[in-house]
Amino acid sequence: MKALVTGGTGYIGSHTCVELIQRGADVLIVDNLCNSSPKVLDRIEQITGMRPAFLQADIRDDEAMSAAFADFAPDVVLHFAALKAVGESTAKPLEYFDNNVGGSLALFRQMQAAGVRKLVYSSSATVYGDPSHCPIAETAPRSAHNPYGRSKLVTEDLIADLSLPGGPLQAAVLRYFNPVGAHPSGRIGEDPRGIPNNLMPFVTRVAVGRSTKLQVFGADYPTVDGTGVRDYIHVQDLARAHVDAIDFLDRTGSNLTVNLGTGRGHSVLEVVTAFEAASGRTIAWEIAPRRAGDVAQCYADPSLAHAMLGWRAEFDLARMCEDAWRWQRGNPDGYA
């Protein structure tokens, strides 16, 4: 199998590339490196013994992408390339629509021109907006409360239209909840540029002294301890699901849309306590005002993914924290 992976030097993309290579796939990564490091290629090679082919290009560069499809002739495309910071998307909505929606359209045109039908798309639980109840099933209403979420929702709708009977695509749409953790080798992990948008990188940076204190945004939610509850899922479990989704596309010839989560929510303070136990470090924290757009709780009903893919999350919160700490402890400055 030959897999073209957009955004493959990013956090989830790099872990999925490792899983692909370990299952025997040839991999071409296409990434413009706007939010990732080329050092990831060295780390993937260290883990797998094989270096993926790499093209530094933007997926909106039609000339570069046309050549990539012609030269590599992929069997499947895994599409991770996207800007993903909710706050930044509110400040720069045009940039997010251009990159996330426009980039996807450009990619789909190239796929159609090259006759490549199979697509695995990196979507998000943000398409559910502020859920009316949890756990969230795939049949829950969708909505968007920020440009990032809307870019994912719109791209999902584009894929749905393009994968109708007789259409150019056959697609697996994977809606992630909250990816955390790192490869157990400690060689690849999450290394966001600037201020992290997610909880775990904040926690790990406090643990290694890059930040002095964790800000907990809101402590008056109707949850177990007043802090926000999310469905944290190990990035290794996510990576495995992507390759399982390719197997599904090959086996069935059908389309697929599934949630990827553990089915259990953990509060911010539960994550802090678990990370302290895993690291042996005390995490200083303080309560800050709620962030606009944050919801009280969000966790998945992952039963459809189990039924369709035979997949379920294997790693618990303790393991997520252990692997995140191993990565951050060994790479206190990330890939710098």
C-alpha atoms as a PDB file:
ATOM      1  CA  MET A   1       0.000   0.000   0.000  1.00  0.00           C
ATOM      2  CA  LYS A   2       1.201   3.486  -0.885  1.00  0.00           C
ATOM      3  CA  ALA A   3      -0.116   6.244   1.384  1.00  0.00           C
ATOM      4  CA  LEU A   4       0.200   9.973   0.756  1.00  0.00           C
ATOM      5  CA  VAL A   5      -0.075  11.758   4.117  1.00  0.00           C
ATOM      6  CA  THR A   6      -0.749  15.500   4.184  1.00  0.00           C
ATOM      7  CA  GLY A   7       0.413  17.171   7.379  1.00  0.00           C
ATOM      8  CA  GLY A   8       2.413  14.048   8.174  1.00  0.00           C
ATOM      9  CA  THR A   9       5.105  15.783  10.235  1.00  0.00           C
ATOM     10  CA  GLY A  10       2.461  17.081  12.665  1.00  0.00           C
ATOM     11  CA  TYR A  11       1.484  15.499  15.961  1.00  0.00           C
ATOM     12  CA  ILE A  12      -1.186  13.011  14.896  1.00  0.00           C
ATOM     13  CA  GLY A  13       0.142  12.662  11.361  1.00  0.00           C
ATOM     14  CA  SER A  14       3.613  11.593  12.505  1.00  0.00           C
ATOM     15  CA  HIS A  15       2.255   8.911  14.828  1.00  0.00           C
ATOM     16  CA  THR A  16       0.036   7.633  12.025  1.00  0.00           C
ATOM     17  CA  CYS A  17       3.021   7.496   9.664  1.00  0.00           C
ATOM     18  CA  VAL A  18       4.813   5.272  12.180  1.00  0.00           C
ATOM     19  CA  GLU A  19       1.780   2.980  12.316  1.00  0.00           C
ATOM     20  CA  LEU A  20       1.538   2.889   8.518  1.00  0.00           C
ATOM     21  CA  ILE A  21       5.202   1.993   8.076  1.00  0.00           C
ATOM     22  CA  GLN A  22       5.033  -0.655  10.782  1.00  0.00           C
ATOM     23  CA  ARG A  23       2.111  -2.232   8.937  1.00  0.00           C
ATOM     24  CA  GLY A  24       4.108  -2.363   5.711  1.00  0.00           C
ATOM     25  CA  ALA A  25       2.990   0.767   3.851  1.00  0.00           C
ATOM     26  CA  ASP A  26       5.140   3.032   1.688  1.00  0.00           C
ATOM     27  CA  VAL A  27       4.614   6.609   2.873  1.00  0.00           C
ATOM     28  CA  LEU A  28       4.990  10.007   1.234  1.00  0.00           C
ATOM     29  CA  ILE A  29       4.562  12.950   3.615  1.00  0.00           C
ATOM     30  CA  VAL A  30       3.506  16.291   2.139  1.00  0.00           C
ATOM     31  CA  ASP A  31       3.815  19.134   4.649  1.00  0.00           C
ATOM     32  CA  ASN A  32       4.580  22.848   4.407  1.00  0.00           C
ATOM     33  CA  LEU A  33       6.159  22.757   7.918  1.00  0.00           C
ATOM     34  CA  CYS A  34       4.141  25.783   9.066  1.00  0.00           C
ATOM     35  CA  ASN A  35       3.519  24.120  12.437  1.00  0.00           C
ATOM     36  CA  SER A  36       5.941  21.193  12.551  1.00  0.00           C
ATOM     37  CA  SER A  37       9.609  20.286  12.300  1.00  0.00           C
ATOM     38  CA  PRO A  38      11.567  18.377   9.634  1.00  0.00           C
ATOM     39  CA  LYS A  39      13.340  16.639  12.537  1.00  0.00           C
ATOM     40  CA  VAL A  40      10.223  14.483  12.803  1.00  0.00           C
ATOM     41  CA  LEU A  41      11.460  12.602   9.734  1.00  0.00           C
ATOM     42  CA  ASP A  42      14.622  11.568  11.599  1.00  0.00           C
ATOM     43  CA  ARG A  43      12.556  10.437  14.579  1.00  0.00           C
ATOM     44  CA  ILE A  44      10.202   8.350  12.429  1.00  0.00           C
ATOM     45  CA  GLU A  45      13.244   6.677  10.885  1.00  0.00           C
ATOM     46  CA  GLN A  46      14.708   5.989  14.342  1.00  0.00           C
ATOM     47  CA  ILE A  47      11.477   4.289  15.443  1.00  0.00           C
ATOM     48  CA  THR A  48      10.687   2.311  12.302  1.00  0.00           C
ATOM     49  CA  GLY A  49      14.057   1.832  10.596  1.00  0.00           C
ATOM     50  CA  MET A  50      12.590   3.405   7.465  1.00  0.00           C
ATOM     51  CA  ARG A  51      12.533   7.041   6.377  1.00  0.00           C
ATOM     52  CA  PRO A  52       9.326   8.173   4.710  1.00  0.00           C
ATOM     53  CA  ALA A  53       9.571  10.062   1.452  1.00  0.00           C
ATOM     54  CA  PHE A  54       9.008  13.781   2.039  1.00  0.00           C
ATOM     55  CA  LEU A  55       7.851  16.730  -0.029  1.00  0.00           C
ATOM     56  CA  GLN A  56       7.848  20.196   1.508  1.00  0.00           C
ATOM     57  CA  ALA A  57       4.873  21.791  -0.189  1.00  0.00           C
ATOM     58  CA  ASP A  58       1.532  23.390   0.503  1.00  0.00           C
ATOM     59  CA  ILE A  59      -1.416  21.279  -0.602  1.00  0.00           C
ATOM     60  CA  ARG A  60      -2.741  24.357  -2.426  1.00  0.00           C
ATOM     61  CA  ASP A  61       0.333  24.274  -4.701  1.00  0.00           C
ATOM     62  CA  ASP A  62      -1.261  22.570  -7.714  1.00  0.00           C
ATOM     63  CA  GLU A  63       1.998  22.093  -9.614  1.00  0.00           C
ATOM     64  CA  ALA A  64       3.790  20.432  -6.696  1.00  0.00           C
ATOM     65  CA  MET A  65       0.810  18.258  -5.801  1.00  0.00           C
ATOM     66  CA  SER A  66       0.202  17.160  -9.378  1.00  0.00           C
ATOM     67  CA  ALA A  67       3.824  16.027  -9.609  1.00  0.00           C
ATOM     68  CA  ALA A  68       3.560  14.234  -6.246  1.00  0.00           C
ATOM     69  CA  PHE A  69       0.509  12.250  -7.343  1.00  0.00           C
ATOM     70  CA  ALA A  70       2.107  11.404 -10.689  1.00  0.00           C
ATOM     71  CA  ASP A  71       5.451  10.336  -9.232  1.00  0.00           C
ATOM     72  CA  PHE A  72       4.259   8.503  -6.105  1.00  0.00           C
ATOM     73  CA  ALA A  73       0.942   7.103  -7.417  1.00  0.00           C
ATOM     74  CA  PRO A  74      -0.688   6.643  -3.997  1.00  0.00           C
ATOM     75  CA  ASP A  75      -3.439   4.145  -3.256  1.00  0.00           C
ATOM     76  CA  VAL A  76      -4.879   6.232  -0.426  1.00  0.00           C
ATOM     77  CA  VAL A  77      -4.630   9.769   0.966  1.00  0.00           C
ATOM     78  CA  LEU A  78      -4.674  10.530   4.691  1.00  0.00           C
ATOM     79  CA  HIS A  79      -5.489  14.225   5.120  1.00  0.00           C
ATOM     80  CA  PHE A  80      -4.223  15.875   8.312  1.00  0.00           C
ATOM     81  CA  ALA A  81      -3.043  19.212   6.911  1.00  0.00           C
ATOM     82  CA  ALA A  82      -4.984  21.981   8.677  1.00  0.00           C
ATOM     83  CA  LEU A  83      -4.620  24.939  10.971  1.00  0.00           C
ATOM     84  CA  LYS A  84      -6.160  23.941  14.292  1.00  0.00           C
ATOM     85  CA  ALA A  85      -6.128  26.641  16.990  1.00  0.00           C
ATOM     86  CA  VAL A  86      -9.664  27.658  17.941  1.00  0.00           C
ATOM     87  CA  GLY A  87      -8.685  31.079  19.288  1.00  0.00           C
ATOM     88  CA  GLU A  88      -6.485  31.888  16.319  1.00  0.00           C
ATOM     89  CA  SER A  89      -9.278  30.871  13.959  1.00  0.00           C
ATOM     90  CA  THR A  90     -11.508  33.548  15.476  1.00  0.00           C
ATOM     91  CA  ALA A  91      -8.806  36.162  14.899  1.00  0.00           C
ATOM     92  CA  LYS A  92      -7.932  34.901  11.397  1.00  0.00           C
ATOM     93  CA  PRO A  93     -11.071  33.339   9.916  1.00  0.00           C
ATOM     94  CA  LEU A  94     -10.142  33.943   6.267  1.00  0.00           C
ATOM     95  CA  GLU A  95      -6.781  32.249   6.757  1.00  0.00           C
ATOM     96  CA  TYR A  96      -8.500  29.233   8.318  1.00  0.00           C
ATOM     97  CA  PHE A  97     -11.105  28.896   5.567  1.00  0.00           C
ATOM     98  CA  ASP A  98      -8.460  29.346   2.878  1.00  0.00           C
ATOM     99  CA  ASN A  99      -6.127  26.763   4.388  1.00  0.00           C
ATOM    100  CA  ASN A 100      -8.559  24.187   5.756  1.00  0.00           C
ATOM    101  CA  VAL A 101     -11.404  24.360   3.243  1.00  0.00           C
ATOM    102  CA  GLY A 102      -9.537  25.705   0.231  1.00  0.00           C
ATOM    103  CA  GLY A 103      -6.646  23.327   0.851  1.00  0.00           C
ATOM    104  CA  SER A 104      -9.018  20.376   1.034  1.00  0.00           C
ATOM    105  CA  LEU A 105     -10.725  21.369  -2.221  1.00  0.00           C
ATOM    106  CA  ALA A 106      -7.352  21.641  -3.942  1.00  0.00           C
ATOM    107  CA  LEU A 107      -6.355  18.216  -2.612  1.00  0.00           C
ATOM    108  CA  PHE A 108      -9.621  16.596  -3.710  1.00  0.00           C
ATOM    109  CA  ARG A 109      -9.187  18.026  -7.220  1.00  0.00           C
ATOM    110  CA  GLN A 110      -5.725  16.489  -7.405  1.00  0.00           C
ATOM    111  CA  MET A 111      -7.064  13.158  -6.174  1.00  0.00           C
ATOM    112  CA  GLN A 112      -9.769  13.160  -8.816  1.00  0.00           C
ATOM    113  CA  ALA A 113      -7.309  14.083 -11.568  1.00  0.00           C
ATOM    114  CA  ALA A 114      -4.991  11.247 -10.489  1.00  0.00           C
ATOM    115  CA  GLY A 115      -7.818   8.725 -10.076  1.00  0.00           C
ATOM    116  CA  VAL A 116      -7.159   8.231  -6.360  1.00  0.00           C
ATOM    117  CA  ARG A 117     -10.450   7.558  -4.575  1.00  0.00           C
ATOM    118  CA  LYS A 118      -9.645   6.444  -1.028  1.00  0.00           C
ATOM    119  CA  LEU A 119      -9.495   9.186   1.614  1.00  0.00           C
ATOM    120  CA  VAL A 120      -9.111   9.151   5.384  1.00  0.00           C
ATOM    121  CA  TYR A 121     -10.005  12.588   6.763  1.00  0.00           C
ATOM    122  CA  SER A 122      -8.925  14.068  10.064  1.00  0.00           C
ATOM    123  CA  SER A 123     -12.063  15.650  11.501  1.00  0.00           C
ATOM    124  CA  SER A 124     -12.912  16.737  15.032  1.00  0.00           C
ATOM    125  CA  ALA A 125     -15.508  16.604  17.781  1.00  0.00           C
ATOM    126  CA  THR A 126     -15.742  20.386  17.364  1.00  0.00           C
ATOM    127  CA  VAL A 127     -18.327  19.652  14.644  1.00  0.00           C
ATOM    128  CA  TYR A 128     -20.772  18.847  17.481  1.00  0.00           C
ATOM    129  CA  GLY A 129     -20.571  22.403  18.854  1.00  0.00           C
ATOM    130  CA  ASP A 130     -22.052  22.619  22.354  1.00  0.00           C
ATOM    131  CA  PRO A 131     -23.553  19.140  22.763  1.00  0.00           C
ATOM    132  CA  SER A 132     -26.947  18.868  24.433  1.00  0.00           C
ATOM    133  CA  HIS A 133     -25.966  15.596  26.111  1.00  0.00           C
ATOM    134  CA  CYS A 134     -23.120  13.113  26.470  1.00  0.00           C
ATOM    135  CA  PRO A 135     -21.947  10.633  25.372  1.00  0.00           C
ATOM    136  CA  ILE A 136     -22.097  11.978  21.834  1.00  0.00           C
ATOM    137  CA  ALA A 137     -23.076   9.628  19.024  1.00  0.00           C
ATOM    138  CA  GLU A 138     -22.441  10.263  15.342  1.00  0.00           C
ATOM    139  CA  THR A 139     -26.148  11.046  14.904  1.00  0.00           C
ATOM    140  CA  ALA A 140     -25.943  14.079  17.227  1.00  0.00           C
ATOM    141  CA  PRO A 141     -26.687  17.466  15.653  1.00  0.00           C
ATOM    142  CA  ARG A 142     -23.678  19.265  14.231  1.00  0.00           C
ATOM    143  CA  SER A 143     -22.912  22.941  14.638  1.00  0.00           C
ATOM    144  CA  ALA A 144     -19.905  25.237  14.781  1.00  0.00           C
ATOM    145  CA  HIS A 145     -19.031  27.947  17.283  1.00  0.00           C
ATOM    146  CA  ASN A 146     -15.751  29.107  15.726  1.00  0.00           C
ATOM    147  CA  PRO A 147     -14.120  29.242  12.273  1.00  0.00           C
ATOM    148  CA  TYR A 148     -11.938  26.205  12.998  1.00  0.00           C
ATOM    149  CA  GLY A 149     -14.957  24.056  13.812  1.00  0.00           C
ATOM    150  CA  ARG A 150     -16.827  25.400  10.804  1.00  0.00           C
ATOM    151  CA  SER A 151     -13.897  24.596   8.520  1.00  0.00           C
ATOM    152  CA  LYS A 152     -14.089  20.981   9.676  1.00  0.00           C
ATOM    153  CA  LEU A 153     -17.871  20.861   9.323  1.00  0.00           C
ATOM    154  CA  VAL A 154     -17.808  22.363   5.818  1.00  0.00           C
ATOM    155  CA  THR A 155     -15.071  19.964   4.714  1.00  0.00           C
ATOM    156  CA  GLU A 156     -17.087  17.034   6.070  1.00  0.00           C
ATOM    157  CA  ASP A 157     -20.027  18.192   3.941  1.00  0.00           C
ATOM    158  CA  LEU A 158     -17.807  18.486   0.865  1.00  0.00           C
ATOM    159  CA  ILE A 159     -16.575  14.939   1.426  1.00  0.00           C
ATOM    160  CA  ALA A 160     -20.145  13.687   1.864  1.00  0.00           C
ATOM    161  CA  ASP A 161     -21.126  15.145  -1.517  1.00  0.00           C
ATOM    162  CA  LEU A 162     -17.997  13.852  -3.245  1.00  0.00           C
ATOM    163  CA  SER A 163     -18.451  10.342  -1.866  1.00  0.00           C
ATOM    164  CA  LEU A 164     -22.035   9.838  -3.013  1.00  0.00           C
ATOM    165  CA  PRO A 165     -22.552   6.839  -5.330  1.00  0.00           C
ATOM    166  CA  GLY A 166     -20.674   7.537  -8.528  1.00  0.00           C
ATOM    167  CA  GLY A 167     -18.643  10.327  -6.909  1.00  0.00           C
ATOM    168  CA  PRO A 168     -14.866  10.648  -7.028  1.00  0.00           C
ATOM    169  CA  LEU A 169     -14.181   9.754  -3.387  1.00  0.00           C
ATOM    170  CA  GLN A 170     -14.610   6.848  -0.985  1.00  0.00           C
ATOM    171  CA  ALA A 171     -14.003   8.302   2.452  1.00  0.00           C
ATOM    172  CA  ALA A 172     -13.540   7.557   6.125  1.00  0.00           C
ATOM    173  CA  VAL A 173     -14.228  10.629   8.260  1.00  0.00           C
ATOM    174  CA  LEU A 174     -12.725  10.283  11.748  1.00  0.00           C
ATOM    175  CA  ARG A 175     -13.959  12.663  14.435  1.00  0.00           C
ATOM    176  CA  TYR A 176     -11.302  12.924  17.151  1.00  0.00           C
ATOM    177  CA  PHE A 177     -12.029  13.949  20.667  1.00  0.00           C
ATOM    178  CA  ASN A 178      -8.927  15.089  22.651  1.00  0.00           C
ATOM    179  CA  PRO A 179      -5.642  13.510  21.519  1.00  0.00           C
ATOM    180  CA  VAL A 180      -2.866  13.340  24.128  1.00  0.00           C
ATOM    181  CA  GLY A 181       0.177  11.232  24.935  1.00  0.00           C
ATOM    182  CA  ALA A 182       3.154  10.335  22.767  1.00  0.00           C
ATOM    183  CA  HIS A 183       4.891   7.382  21.175  1.00  0.00           C
ATOM    184  CA  PRO A 184       6.194   5.069  23.931  1.00  0.00           C
ATOM    185  CA  SER A 185       9.745   5.482  22.598  1.00  0.00           C
ATOM    186  CA  GLY A 186       9.633   9.147  23.613  1.00  0.00           C
ATOM    187  CA  ARG A 187      10.992  10.093  20.176  1.00  0.00           C
ATOM    188  CA  ILE A 188       7.879  11.818  18.796  1.00  0.00           C
ATOM    189  CA  GLY A 189       5.188  13.743  20.627  1.00  0.00           C
ATOM    190  CA  GLU A 190       3.180  16.944  20.750  1.00  0.00           C
ATOM    191  CA  ASP A 191       5.222  20.113  20.228  1.00  0.00           C
ATOM    192  CA  PRO A 192       2.895  23.055  19.587  1.00  0.00           C
ATOM    193  CA  ARG A 193       4.428  26.340  18.540  1.00  0.00           C
ATOM    194  CA  GLY A 194       3.674  29.339  20.699  1.00  0.00           C
ATOM    195  CA  ILE A 195       1.042  29.065  23.416  1.00  0.00           C
ATOM    196  CA  PRO A 196      -0.496  25.575  23.469  1.00  0.00           C
ATOM    197  CA  ASN A 197      -4.161  25.294  22.585  1.00  0.00           C
ATOM    198  CA  ASN A 198      -4.682  22.048  24.500  1.00  0.00           C
ATOM    199  CA  LEU A 199      -4.418  21.023  28.149  1.00  0.00           C
ATOM    200  CA  MET A 200      -1.697  18.356  28.153  1.00  0.00           C
ATOM    201  CA  PRO A 201       1.083  20.478  26.602  1.00  0.00           C
ATOM    202  CA  PHE A 202       0.332  23.159  29.216  1.00  0.00           C
ATOM    203  CA  VAL A 203       0.687  20.574  31.970  1.00  0.00           C
ATOM    204  CA  THR A 204       3.903  19.074  30.600  1.00  0.00           C
ATOM    205  CA  ARG A 205       5.492  22.496  30.159  1.00  0.00           C
ATOM    206  CA  VAL A 206       4.841  23.310  33.798  1.00  0.00           C
ATOM    207  CA  ALA A 207       6.380  19.956  34.761  1.00  0.00           C
ATOM    208  CA  VAL A 208       9.659  20.724  32.935  1.00  0.00           C
ATOM    209  CA  GLY A 209       9.781  24.356  34.012  1.00  0.00           C
ATOM    210  CA  ARG A 210       8.958  25.991  30.677  1.00  0.00           C
ATOM    211  CA  SER A 211       5.862  27.507  32.314  1.00  0.00           C
ATOM    212  CA  THR A 212       5.388  28.407  35.966  1.00  0.00           C
ATOM    213  CA  LYS A 213       1.706  27.687  36.432  1.00  0.00           C
ATOM    214  CA  LEU A 214      -1.215  26.024  34.681  1.00  0.00           C
ATOM    215  CA  GLN A 215      -4.265  28.187  34.105  1.00  0.00           C
ATOM    216  CA  VAL A 216      -7.493  26.276  34.647  1.00  0.00           C
ATOM    217  CA  PHE A 217     -10.144  28.062  32.623  1.00  0.00           C
ATOM    218  CA  GLY A 218     -13.297  27.956  34.713  1.00  0.00           C
ATOM    219  CA  ALA A 219     -14.104  26.082  37.917  1.00  0.00           C
ATOM    220  CA  ASP A 220     -17.855  26.605  38.060  1.00  0.00           C
ATOM    221  CA  TYR A 221     -19.032  24.135  35.413  1.00  0.00           C
ATOM    222  CA  PRO A 222     -21.688  21.570  36.410  1.00  0.00           C
ATOM    223  CA  THR A 223     -19.070  18.775  36.542  1.00  0.00           C
ATOM    224  CA  VAL A 224     -17.500  16.556  39.185  1.00  0.00           C
ATOM    225  CA  ASP A 225     -15.119  19.274  40.405  1.00  0.00           C
ATOM    226  CA  GLY A 226     -16.282  22.344  38.488  1.00  0.00           C
ATOM    227  CA  THR A 227     -13.647  22.090  35.750  1.00  0.00           C
ATOM    228  CA  GLY A 228     -14.262  21.146  32.125  1.00  0.00           C
ATOM    229  CA  VAL A 229     -14.585  17.466  31.228  1.00  0.00           C
ATOM    230  CA  ARG A 230     -13.155  16.059  27.996  1.00  0.00           C
ATOM    231  CA  ASP A 231     -12.612  12.675  26.382  1.00  0.00           C
ATOM    232  CA  TYR A 232      -8.822  12.280  26.258  1.00  0.00           C
ATOM    233  CA  ILE A 233      -7.552   9.636  23.843  1.00  0.00           C
ATOM    234  CA  HIS A 234      -4.015   8.356  23.394  1.00  0.00           C
ATOM    235  CA  VAL A 235      -2.484   9.413  20.083  1.00  0.00           C
ATOM    236  CA  GLN A 236      -1.326   5.816  19.541  1.00  0.00           C
ATOM    237  CA  ASP A 237      -4.937   4.645  19.646  1.00  0.00           C
ATOM    238  CA  LEU A 238      -5.813   7.351  17.111  1.00  0.00           C
ATOM    239  CA  ALA A 239      -2.987   6.342  14.800  1.00  0.00           C
ATOM    240  CA  ARG A 240      -4.120   2.722  14.861  1.00  0.00           C
ATOM    241  CA  ALA A 241      -7.668   3.762  13.948  1.00  0.00           C
ATOM    242  CA  HIS A 242      -6.481   5.475  10.765  1.00  0.00           C
ATOM    243  CA  VAL A 243      -4.889   2.320   9.417  1.00  0.00           C
ATOM    244  CA  ASP A 244      -7.936   0.324  10.508  1.00  0.00           C
ATOM    245  CA  ALA A 245     -10.037   2.794   8.504  1.00  0.00           C
ATOM    246  CA  ILE A 246      -7.968   2.102   5.387  1.00  0.00           C
ATOM    247  CA  ASP A 247      -8.583  -1.602   5.887  1.00  0.00           C
ATOM    248  CA  PHE A 248     -12.320  -0.842   6.149  1.00  0.00           C
ATOM    249  CA  LEU A 249     -12.311   1.113   2.880  1.00  0.00           C
ATOM    250  CA  ASP A 250     -10.465  -1.701   1.117  1.00  0.00           C
ATOM    251  CA  ARG A 251     -12.664  -4.415   2.579  1.00  0.00           C
ATOM    252  CA  THR A 252     -16.111  -2.890   2.148  1.00  0.00           C
ATOM    253  CA  GLY A 253     -15.982  -0.310  -0.634  1.00  0.00           C
ATOM    254  CA  SER A 254     -18.215   1.812   1.625  1.00  0.00           C
ATOM    255  CA  ASN A 255     -17.901   5.187   3.341  1.00  0.00           C
ATOM    256  CA  LEU A 256     -17.538   5.693   7.084  1.00  0.00           C
ATOM    257  CA  THR A 257     -17.967   8.421   9.705  1.00  0.00           C
ATOM    258  CA  VAL A 258     -17.055   7.543  13.304  1.00  0.00           C
ATOM    259  CA  ASN A 259     -16.124   9.074  16.627  1.00  0.00           C
ATOM    260  CA  LEU A 260     -12.713   8.274  18.079  1.00  0.00           C
ATOM    261  CA  GLY A 261     -12.704   8.560  21.842  1.00  0.00           C
ATOM    262  CA  THR A 262     -12.589   6.426  24.954  1.00  0.00           C
ATOM    263  CA  GLY A 263     -16.218   7.022  25.922  1.00  0.00           C
ATOM    264  CA  ARG A 264     -15.158   8.439  29.275  1.00  0.00           C
ATOM    265  CA  GLY A 265     -14.639  12.031  30.322  1.00  0.00           C
ATOM    266  CA  HIS A 266     -11.965  13.374  32.679  1.00  0.00           C
ATOM    267  CA  SER A 267     -11.929  16.809  34.275  1.00  0.00           C
ATOM    268  CA  VAL A 268      -8.968  19.186  34.072  1.00  0.00           C
ATOM    269  CA  LEU A 269      -8.082  18.548  37.692  1.00  0.00           C
ATOM    270  CA  GLU A 270      -8.313  14.770  37.213  1.00  0.00           C
ATOM    271  CA  VAL A 271      -5.766  15.098  34.416  1.00  0.00           C
ATOM    272  CA  VAL A 272      -3.505  17.185  36.648  1.00  0.00           C
ATOM    273  CA  THR A 273      -3.687  14.597  39.419  1.00  0.00           C
ATOM    274  CA  ALA A 274      -2.962  11.756  36.991  1.00  0.00           C
ATOM    275  CA  PHE A 275      -0.004  13.601  35.511  1.00  0.00           C
ATOM    276  CA  GLU A 276       1.436  14.322  38.954  1.00  0.00           C
ATOM    277  CA  ALA A 277       1.251  10.605  39.722  1.00  0.00           C
ATOM    278  CA  ALA A 278       2.933   9.691  36.413  1.00  0.00           C
ATOM    279  CA  SER A 279       5.700  12.292  36.632  1.00  0.00           C
ATOM    280  CA  GLY A 280       6.349  12.653  40.344  1.00  0.00           C
ATOM    281  CA  ARG A 281       6.153  16.422  39.812  1.00  0.00           C
ATOM    282  CA  THR A 282       3.781  18.883  41.424  1.00  0.00           C
ATOM    283  CA  ILE A 283       1.803  20.921  38.890  1.00  0.00           C
ATOM    284  CA  ALA A 284       1.080  24.430  40.109  1.00  0.00           C
ATOM    285  CA  TRP A 285      -2.263  25.720  38.875  1.00  0.00           C
ATOM    286  CA  GLU A 286      -4.658  28.625  39.323  1.00  0.00           C
ATOM    287  CA  ILE A 287      -8.239  29.281  38.336  1.00  0.00           C
ATOM    288  CA  ALA A 288      -8.766  31.661  35.439  1.00  0.00           C
ATOM    289  CA  PRO A 289     -11.989  32.916  33.812  1.00  0.00           C
ATOM    290  CA  ARG A 290     -13.791  30.626  31.405  1.00  0.00           C
ATOM    291  CA  ARG A 291     -12.725  30.861  27.784  1.00  0.00           C
ATOM    292  CA  ALA A 292     -15.341  31.877  25.247  1.00  0.00           C
ATOM    293  CA  GLY A 293     -16.695  28.861  23.416  1.00  0.00           C
ATOM    294  CA  ASP A 294     -15.649  26.241  25.976  1.00  0.00           C
ATOM    295  CA  VAL A 295     -18.334  23.730  26.942  1.00  0.00           C
ATOM    296  CA  ALA A 296     -18.817  21.992  30.284  1.00  0.00           C
ATOM    297  CA  GLN A 297     -18.309  18.454  29.051  1.00  0.00           C
ATOM    298  CA  CYS A 298     -17.710  16.577  25.822  1.00  0.00           C
ATOM    299  CA  TYR A 299     -17.123  12.862  25.523  1.00  0.00           C
ATOM    300  CA  ALA A 300     -17.788  10.265  22.867  1.00  0.00           C
ATOM    301  CA  ASP A 301     -19.960   7.298  22.266  1.00  0.00           C
ATOM    302  CA  PRO A 302     -17.290   5.254  20.410  1.00  0.00           C
ATOM    303  CA  SER A 303     -19.427   2.137  19.907  1.00  0.00           C
ATOM    304  CA  LEU A 304     -19.815   2.623  16.147  1.00  0.00           C
ATOM    305  CA  ALA A 305     -16.043   2.638  15.645  1.00  0.00           C
ATOM    306  CA  HIS A 306     -15.881  -0.689  17.467  1.00  0.00           C
ATOM    307  CA  ALA A 307     -18.720  -2.137  15.408  1.00  0.00           C
ATOM    308  CA  MET A 308     -17.386  -0.972  12.034  1.00  0.00           C
ATOM    309  CA  LEU A 309     -13.620  -1.124  12.535  1.00  0.00           C
ATOM    310  CA  GLY A 310     -13.212  -3.577  15.387  1.00  0.00           C
ATOM    311  CA  TRP A 311     -11.402  -0.674  17.074  1.00  0.00           C
ATOM    312  CA  ARG A 312     -11.498   0.564  20.635  1.00  0.00           C
ATOM    313  CA  ALA A 313      -9.184   2.725  22.697  1.00  0.00           C
ATOM    314  CA  GLU A 314      -6.699   0.616  24.656  1.00  0.00           C
ATOM    315  CA  PHE A 315      -4.739   3.114  26.748  1.00  0.00           C
ATOM    316  CA  ASP A 316      -6.062   4.751  29.923  1.00  0.00           C
ATOM    317  CA  LEU A 317      -5.354   8.202  31.341  1.00  0.00           C
ATOM    318  CA  ALA A 318      -2.413   6.970  33.413  1.00  0.00           C
ATOM    319  CA  ARG A 319      -0.690   5.624  30.295  1.00  0.00           C
ATOM    320  CA  MET A 320      -1.450   8.831  28.387  1.00  0.00           C
ATOM    321  CA  CYS A 321       0.264  10.838  31.120  1.00  0.00           C
ATOM    322  CA  GLU A 322       3.231   8.452  31.382  1.00  0.00           C
ATOM    323  CA  ASP A 323       3.941   8.671  27.655  1.00  0.00           C
ATOM    324  CA  ALA A 324       3.408  12.444  27.512  1.00  0.00           C
ATOM    325  CA  TRP A 325       5.874  12.852  30.393  1.00  0.00           C
ATOM    326  CA  ARG A 326       8.469  10.551  28.794  1.00  0.00           C
ATOM    327  CA  TRP A 327       8.313  12.654  25.614  1.00  0.00           C
ATOM    328  CA  GLN A 328       8.511  16.019  27.397  1.00  0.00           C
ATOM    329  CA  ARG A 329      11.186  14.918  29.876  1.00  0.00           C
ATOM    330  CA  GLY A 330      13.391  13.666  27.048  1.00  0.00           C
ATOM    331  CA  ASN A 331      12.611  16.647  24.815  1.00  0.00           C
ATOM    332  CA  PRO A 332      12.104  19.614  27.159  1.00  0.00           C
ATOM    333  CA  ASP A 333      12.313  22.050  24.243  1.00  0.00           C
ATOM    334  CA  GLY A 334      10.363  19.842  21.864  1.00  0.00           C
ATOM    335  CA  TYR A 335      12.063  19.376  18.495  1.00  0.00           C
ATOM    336  CA  ALA A 336      14.126  22.570  18.895  1.00  0.00           C
END
